[in-house]
């Protein structure tokens, strides 16, 4: 069985619009991910963000 370590991913989202006067909104999510490596954790975080 492969050892899985905990990693924290911070996902930043930007919401914007073409509507005049709209100011961009930002959201920051912190996610706990268990993965075998940092590379794997990064892949899982990117997948989760999509």
Protein backbone atom coordinates (compact mmCIF):
# COMPACT_ATOMS: atom_id res chain seq x y z
CA UNK A 1 0.00 0.00 0.00
CA UNK A 2 1.37 3.41 -0.98
CA UNK A 3 1.85 5.94 1.79
CA UNK A 4 -0.30 9.03 1.40
CA UNK A 5 0.67 12.30 3.04
CA UNK A 6 -1.54 15.30 3.79
CA UNK A 7 -1.08 18.45 1.68
CA UNK A 8 -2.84 21.81 1.88
CA UNK A 9 -3.91 23.45 -1.38
CA UNK A 10 -5.05 27.05 -1.59
CA UNK A 11 -7.35 27.57 -4.57
CA UNK A 12 -7.95 31.16 -5.70
CA UNK A 13 -10.89 31.90 -7.97
CA UNK A 14 -11.62 35.15 -9.81
CA UNK A 15 -15.13 36.07 -10.90
CA UNK A 16 -15.52 38.79 -13.50
CA UNK A 17 -18.05 40.10 -15.94
CA UNK A 18 -18.33 42.38 -18.97
CA UNK A 19 -21.04 44.38 -17.21
CA UNK A 20 -20.02 48.01 -16.89
CA UNK A 21 -18.87 48.92 -13.39
CA UNK A 22 -18.49 45.29 -12.27
CA UNK A 23 -15.56 44.84 -9.91
CA UNK A 24 -13.83 41.46 -9.97
CA UNK A 25 -14.61 39.21 -7.02
CA UNK A 26 -12.14 36.76 -5.54
CA UNK A 27 -12.64 33.62 -3.48
CA UNK A 28 -9.96 31.63 -1.71
CA UNK A 29 -10.58 28.01 -0.68
CA UNK A 30 -8.27 25.92 1.47
CA UNK A 31 -8.41 22.21 0.71
CA UNK A 32 -6.83 19.21 2.44
CA UNK A 33 -5.54 16.65 -0.05
CA UNK A 34 -4.01 13.24 0.70
CA UNK A 35 -1.53 12.13 -1.96
CA UNK A 36 1.59 10.03 -2.45
CA UNK A 37 3.71 12.98 -3.62
CA UNK A 38 3.68 16.76 -3.97
CA UNK A 39 3.31 16.37 -7.74
CA UNK A 40 0.29 14.13 -7.28
CA UNK A 41 -1.20 16.57 -4.75
CA UNK A 42 -0.73 19.45 -7.21
CA UNK A 43 -2.48 17.45 -9.95
CA UNK A 44 -5.41 16.64 -7.63
CA UNK A 45 -5.69 20.29 -6.55
CA UNK A 46 -5.79 21.49 -10.16
CA UNK A 47 -8.40 18.86 -10.99
CA UNK A 48 -10.50 19.94 -8.01
CA UNK A 49 -10.26 23.61 -9.05
CA UNK A 50 -11.69 22.83 -12.49
